[in-house]
Amino acid sequence: MARTKIKELLLGDFLDKKVTIKGWVRTFRNNQFIALNDGSTIENIQVVVDFENTQPSLLKRLTTSACISVEGKITASQGKGQKVEMIAEKLEILGDSDAEAYPLQPKNILWSF
């Protein structure tokens, strides 16, 4: 299965198709939702993980900036803010990002000049 760019997936032309994407974790929340980016666009795609059927040791490695490969099906998004999302069927960590050594978690920053 050929790798697909997130920019192409977000156009909505891949609905109900199985694809493979690779990229970096921007956020991982509720042990279920990964915001994934591959650099082809500033937008992320939401990857939905079945946490009940995924090894806890793998879920712990899904930190900000971890590099992953995901195979799954593109579906219409149930949430607001995105047209499509991916339902993960196979997830592989390609490179870890140690959250202790590299604390890159999203923060709310108030800028004052």
N, C-alpha and C. Protein backbone atom coordinates (compact mmCIF):
# COMPACT_ATOMS: atom_id res chain seq x y z
N MET A 1 0.84 -1.18 0.00
CA MET A 1 0.00 0.00 0.00
C MET A 1 0.89 1.24 0.00
N ALA A 2 0.69 2.11 -0.95
CA ALA A 2 1.51 3.31 -1.09
C ALA A 2 1.18 4.33 -0.01
N ARG A 3 2.19 5.07 0.40
CA ARG A 3 1.99 6.12 1.38
C ARG A 3 1.28 7.30 0.74
N THR A 4 0.35 7.89 1.46
CA THR A 4 -0.42 9.03 0.97
C THR A 4 -0.10 10.25 1.83
N LYS A 5 -0.05 11.42 1.22
CA LYS A 5 0.21 12.64 1.96
C LYS A 5 -1.07 13.13 2.63
N ILE A 6 -0.92 13.71 3.80
CA ILE A 6 -2.07 14.22 4.55
C ILE A 6 -2.78 15.32 3.76
N LYS A 7 -2.02 16.14 3.05
CA LYS A 7 -2.62 17.21 2.24
C LYS A 7 -3.65 16.63 1.27
N GLU A 8 -3.33 15.50 0.64
CA GLU A 8 -4.24 14.85 -0.30
C GLU A 8 -5.46 14.27 0.42
N LEU A 9 -5.25 13.70 1.59
CA LEU A 9 -6.36 13.09 2.34
C LEU A 9 -7.39 14.11 2.78
N LEU A 10 -6.93 15.28 3.15
CA LEU A 10 -7.84 16.32 3.65
C LEU A 10 -8.77 16.88 2.57
N LEU A 11 -8.46 16.62 1.31
CA LEU A 11 -9.34 17.08 0.22
C LEU A 11 -10.64 16.27 0.17
N GLY A 12 -10.65 15.11 0.80
CA GLY A 12 -11.87 14.30 0.85
C GLY A 12 -12.04 13.31 -0.26
N ASP A 13 -11.03 13.14 -1.11
CA ASP A 13 -11.15 12.23 -2.25
C ASP A 13 -10.85 10.77 -1.90
N PHE A 14 -10.50 10.50 -0.66
CA PHE A 14 -10.10 9.15 -0.26
C PHE A 14 -11.11 8.50 0.68
N LEU A 15 -12.33 9.01 0.73
CA LEU A 15 -13.34 8.45 1.64
C LEU A 15 -13.52 6.96 1.40
N ASP A 16 -13.58 6.22 2.50
CA ASP A 16 -13.78 4.77 2.51
C ASP A 16 -12.64 3.99 1.86
N LYS A 17 -11.47 4.62 1.73
CA LYS A 17 -10.31 3.93 1.17
C LYS A 17 -9.29 3.67 2.27
N LYS A 18 -8.58 2.57 2.12
CA LYS A 18 -7.52 2.21 3.06
C LYS A 18 -6.22 2.84 2.57
N VAL A 19 -5.52 3.54 3.48
CA VAL A 19 -4.28 4.22 3.13
C VAL A 19 -3.25 4.04 4.24
N THR A 20 -2.02 4.38 3.91
CA THR A 20 -0.94 4.43 4.90
C THR A 20 -0.41 5.85 4.94
N ILE A 21 -0.28 6.39 6.15
CA ILE A 21 0.32 7.71 6.31
C ILE A 21 1.43 7.63 7.35
N LYS A 22 2.41 8.49 7.17
CA LYS A 22 3.52 8.58 8.12
C LYS A 22 3.69 10.04 8.49
N GLY A 23 4.00 10.27 9.75
CA GLY A 23 4.19 11.65 10.18
C GLY A 23 4.55 11.73 11.65
N TRP A 24 4.44 12.95 12.18
CA TRP A 24 4.80 13.23 13.55
C TRP A 24 3.55 13.56 14.36
N VAL A 25 3.52 13.02 15.57
CA VAL A 25 2.40 13.27 16.48
C VAL A 25 2.48 14.71 16.95
N ARG A 26 1.41 15.44 16.72
CA ARG A 26 1.32 16.81 17.25
C ARG A 26 0.72 16.77 18.65
N THR A 27 -0.38 16.03 18.78
CA THR A 27 -1.00 15.83 20.09
C THR A 27 -1.61 14.44 20.13
N PHE A 28 -1.76 13.92 21.34
CA PHE A 28 -2.44 12.64 21.56
C PHE A 28 -3.30 12.83 22.80
N ARG A 29 -4.61 12.75 22.62
CA ARG A 29 -5.50 13.03 23.75
C ARG A 29 -6.51 11.91 23.97
N ASN A 30 -6.90 11.77 25.21
CA ASN A 30 -7.90 10.78 25.64
C ASN A 30 -7.52 9.35 25.27
N ASN A 31 -6.21 9.08 25.09
CA ASN A 31 -5.76 7.75 24.68
C ASN A 31 -6.48 7.26 23.44
N GLN A 32 -6.95 8.18 22.60
CA GLN A 32 -7.75 7.78 21.44
C GLN A 32 -7.51 8.63 20.19
N PHE A 33 -7.23 9.92 20.34
CA PHE A 33 -7.16 10.81 19.19
C PHE A 33 -5.75 11.34 18.99
N ILE A 34 -5.19 11.06 17.80
CA ILE A 34 -3.87 11.55 17.44
C ILE A 34 -4.04 12.64 16.38
N ALA A 35 -3.44 13.80 16.62
CA ALA A 35 -3.34 14.82 15.57
C ALA A 35 -1.99 14.57 14.91
N LEU A 36 -2.02 14.19 13.63
CA LEU A 36 -0.81 13.77 12.91
C LEU A 36 -0.51 14.74 11.78
N ASN A 37 0.78 15.06 11.62
CA ASN A 37 1.21 15.97 10.56
C ASN A 37 2.42 15.39 9.85
N ASP A 38 2.45 15.51 8.53
CA ASP A 38 3.59 14.99 7.75
C ASP A 38 4.38 16.09 7.05
N GLY A 39 4.02 17.34 7.28
CA GLY A 39 4.75 18.44 6.67
C GLY A 39 4.24 18.85 5.29
N SER A 40 3.28 18.11 4.73
CA SER A 40 2.75 18.46 3.41
C SER A 40 1.76 19.62 3.48
N THR A 41 1.28 19.92 4.68
CA THR A 41 0.34 21.02 4.92
C THR A 41 0.47 21.42 6.39
N ILE A 42 -0.02 22.60 6.73
CA ILE A 42 0.02 22.99 8.15
C ILE A 42 -1.11 22.32 8.93
N GLU A 43 -2.09 21.77 8.21
CA GLU A 43 -3.22 21.11 8.84
C GLU A 43 -2.82 19.70 9.30
N ASN A 44 -3.47 19.23 10.35
CA ASN A 44 -3.27 17.87 10.85
C ASN A 44 -4.46 17.01 10.43
N ILE A 45 -4.25 15.70 10.42
CA ILE A 45 -5.37 14.79 10.27
C ILE A 45 -5.57 14.10 11.61
N GLN A 46 -6.82 13.89 11.96
CA GLN A 46 -7.12 13.19 13.20
C GLN A 46 -7.13 11.69 12.92
N VAL A 47 -6.37 10.96 13.72
CA VAL A 47 -6.32 9.51 13.65
C VAL A 47 -7.00 8.98 14.91
N VAL A 48 -8.00 8.12 14.72
CA VAL A 48 -8.74 7.56 15.85
C VAL A 48 -8.19 6.17 16.14
N VAL A 49 -7.74 5.97 17.38
CA VAL A 49 -7.14 4.71 17.80
C VAL A 49 -8.13 3.97 18.70
N ASP A 50 -8.27 2.67 18.46
CA ASP A 50 -9.09 1.82 19.32
C ASP A 50 -8.25 1.45 20.54
N PHE A 51 -8.29 2.30 21.58
CA PHE A 51 -7.40 2.11 22.72
C PHE A 51 -7.67 0.83 23.49
N GLU A 52 -8.87 0.31 23.41
CA GLU A 52 -9.18 -0.93 24.12
C GLU A 52 -8.48 -2.14 23.50
N ASN A 53 -8.16 -2.05 22.20
CA ASN A 53 -7.50 -3.15 21.51
C ASN A 53 -6.08 -2.80 21.07
N THR A 54 -5.49 -1.79 21.70
CA THR A 54 -4.12 -1.40 21.41
C THR A 54 -3.29 -1.60 22.67
N GLN A 55 -2.10 -2.13 22.52
CA GLN A 55 -1.23 -2.39 23.66
C GLN A 55 -0.94 -1.11 24.43
N PRO A 56 -1.12 -1.13 25.76
CA PRO A 56 -0.83 0.05 26.57
C PRO A 56 0.61 0.54 26.41
N SER A 57 1.55 -0.38 26.21
CA SER A 57 2.95 0.03 26.04
C SER A 57 3.14 0.86 24.77
N LEU A 58 2.35 0.57 23.74
CA LEU A 58 2.40 1.35 22.50
C LEU A 58 1.77 2.72 22.70
N LEU A 59 0.65 2.77 23.41
CA LEU A 59 -0.03 4.05 23.67
C LEU A 59 0.86 5.00 24.46
N LYS A 60 1.65 4.48 25.39
CA LYS A 60 2.54 5.32 26.20
C LYS A 60 3.64 5.96 25.36
N ARG A 61 3.95 5.37 24.24
CA ARG A 61 5.01 5.89 23.37
C ARG A 61 4.50 6.96 22.40
N LEU A 62 3.19 7.21 22.38
CA LEU A 62 2.61 8.22 21.50
C LEU A 62 2.70 9.59 22.15
N THR A 63 3.90 10.16 22.10
CA THR A 63 4.15 11.46 22.69
C THR A 63 4.32 12.48 21.57
N THR A 64 4.24 13.76 21.92
CA THR A 64 4.43 14.82 20.94
C THR A 64 5.78 14.65 20.24
N SER A 65 5.77 14.71 18.92
CA SER A 65 6.93 14.58 18.02
C SER A 65 7.38 13.15 17.78
N ALA A 66 6.69 12.15 18.32
CA ALA A 66 7.01 10.77 17.97
C ALA A 66 6.67 10.58 16.49
N CYS A 67 7.48 9.81 15.79
CA CYS A 67 7.26 9.55 14.37
C CYS A 67 6.54 8.21 14.25
N ILE A 68 5.41 8.20 13.52
CA ILE A 68 4.61 6.98 13.42
C ILE A 68 4.18 6.69 11.98
N SER A 69 3.81 5.45 11.76
CA SER A 69 3.19 5.02 10.51
C SER A 69 1.84 4.43 10.89
N VAL A 70 0.80 4.85 10.16
CA VAL A 70 -0.54 4.37 10.46
C VAL A 70 -1.19 3.87 9.18
N GLU A 71 -1.79 2.71 9.27
CA GLU A 71 -2.59 2.16 8.18
C GLU A 71 -4.03 2.12 8.65
N GLY A 72 -4.94 2.58 7.81
CA GLY A 72 -6.33 2.58 8.21
C GLY A 72 -7.24 3.11 7.12
N LYS A 73 -8.49 3.30 7.51
CA LYS A 73 -9.52 3.71 6.57
C LYS A 73 -9.90 5.17 6.81
N ILE A 74 -10.06 5.91 5.72
CA ILE A 74 -10.47 7.31 5.79
C ILE A 74 -12.00 7.36 5.82
N THR A 75 -12.53 8.07 6.81
CA THR A 75 -13.99 8.18 6.95
C THR A 75 -14.37 9.65 7.13
N ALA A 76 -15.65 9.93 6.93
CA ALA A 76 -16.16 11.28 7.21
C ALA A 76 -16.05 11.50 8.72
N SER A 77 -15.59 12.67 9.11
CA SER A 77 -15.37 12.95 10.51
C SER A 77 -16.69 13.14 11.26
N GLN A 78 -16.73 12.62 12.47
CA GLN A 78 -17.89 12.79 13.34
C GLN A 78 -17.80 14.10 14.14
N GLY A 79 -16.57 14.63 14.24
CA GLY A 79 -16.34 15.84 15.03
C GLY A 79 -16.36 17.10 14.19
N LYS A 80 -16.30 18.21 14.89
CA LYS A 80 -16.27 19.50 14.22
C LYS A 80 -14.83 19.87 13.89
N GLY A 81 -14.64 20.67 12.87
CA GLY A 81 -13.34 21.21 12.56
C GLY A 81 -12.56 20.44 11.50
N GLN A 82 -13.03 19.27 11.11
CA GLN A 82 -12.35 18.53 10.04
C GLN A 82 -13.38 17.78 9.22
N LYS A 83 -13.04 17.60 7.96
CA LYS A 83 -13.94 16.92 7.04
C LYS A 83 -13.78 15.39 7.11
N VAL A 84 -12.54 14.95 7.27
CA VAL A 84 -12.25 13.51 7.30
C VAL A 84 -11.36 13.18 8.48
N GLU A 85 -11.34 11.90 8.83
CA GLU A 85 -10.43 11.39 9.84
C GLU A 85 -10.06 9.96 9.46
N MET A 86 -9.05 9.43 10.10
CA MET A 86 -8.60 8.08 9.80
C MET A 86 -8.90 7.18 11.00
N ILE A 87 -9.45 6.01 10.71
CA ILE A 87 -9.65 4.99 11.73
C ILE A 87 -8.45 4.05 11.64
N ALA A 88 -7.61 4.07 12.67
CA ALA A 88 -6.37 3.29 12.65
C ALA A 88 -6.65 1.80 12.75
N GLU A 89 -6.02 1.03 11.87
CA GLU A 89 -6.10 -0.42 11.92
C GLU A 89 -4.75 -1.02 12.31
N LYS A 90 -3.67 -0.33 11.94
CA LYS A 90 -2.31 -0.77 12.26
C LYS A 90 -1.48 0.46 12.58
N LEU A 91 -0.78 0.43 13.69
CA LEU A 91 -0.01 1.57 14.15
C LEU A 91 1.40 1.10 14.50
N GLU A 92 2.40 1.83 14.00
CA GLU A 92 3.79 1.47 14.26
C GLU A 92 4.56 2.72 14.64
N ILE A 93 5.35 2.62 15.70
CA ILE A 93 6.22 3.72 16.11
C ILE A 93 7.52 3.61 15.30
N LEU A 94 7.85 4.65 14.54
CA LEU A 94 9.08 4.65 13.76
C LEU A 94 10.22 5.32 14.52
N GLY A 95 9.87 6.24 15.40
CA GLY A 95 10.87 6.95 16.20
C GLY A 95 10.22 7.56 17.42
N ASP A 96 10.80 7.27 18.57
CA ASP A 96 10.26 7.81 19.82
C ASP A 96 10.72 9.25 20.03
N SER A 97 9.98 9.97 20.85
CA SER A 97 10.35 11.30 21.31
C SER A 97 10.17 11.32 22.81
N ASP A 98 11.27 11.35 23.52
CA ASP A 98 11.24 11.29 24.98
C ASP A 98 10.65 12.59 25.53
N ALA A 99 9.47 12.50 26.11
CA ALA A 99 8.77 13.68 26.63
C ALA A 99 9.52 14.32 27.80
N GLU A 100 10.32 13.54 28.54
CA GLU A 100 11.09 14.10 29.64
C GLU A 100 12.27 14.94 29.11
N ALA A 101 12.94 14.41 28.10
CA ALA A 101 14.10 15.12 27.54
C ALA A 101 13.69 16.27 26.62
N TYR A 102 12.54 16.12 25.96
CA TYR A 102 12.07 17.12 25.00
C TYR A 102 10.62 17.50 25.34
N PRO A 103 10.43 18.36 26.34
CA PRO A 103 9.06 18.72 26.77
C PRO A 103 8.38 19.67 25.79
N LEU A 104 7.87 19.12 24.69
CA LEU A 104 7.28 19.93 23.62
C LEU A 104 5.75 19.92 23.65
N GLN A 105 5.18 19.69 24.81
CA GLN A 105 3.73 19.63 24.90
C GLN A 105 3.13 20.99 24.56
N PRO A 106 1.95 20.99 23.92
CA PRO A 106 1.30 22.26 23.57
C PRO A 106 1.05 23.11 24.81
N LYS A 107 1.23 24.40 24.65
CA LYS A 107 1.02 25.32 25.76
C LYS A 107 0.23 26.52 25.25
N ASN A 108 -0.53 27.11 26.15
CA ASN A 108 -1.20 28.36 25.83
C ASN A 108 -0.24 29.48 26.20
N ILE A 109 0.17 30.23 25.21
CA ILE A 109 1.15 31.30 25.43
C ILE A 109 0.46 32.64 25.23
N LEU A 110 0.61 33.49 26.21
CA LEU A 110 0.10 34.85 26.11
C LEU A 110 1.26 35.76 25.77
N TRP A 111 1.19 36.38 24.64
CA TRP A 111 2.24 37.27 24.21
C TRP A 111 1.93 38.68 24.69
N SER A 112 2.92 39.34 25.22
CA SER A 112 2.75 40.75 25.57
C SER A 112 3.97 41.52 25.04
N PHE A 113 3.68 42.65 24.48
CA PHE A 113 4.75 43.47 23.88
C PHE A 113 4.85 44.78 24.59
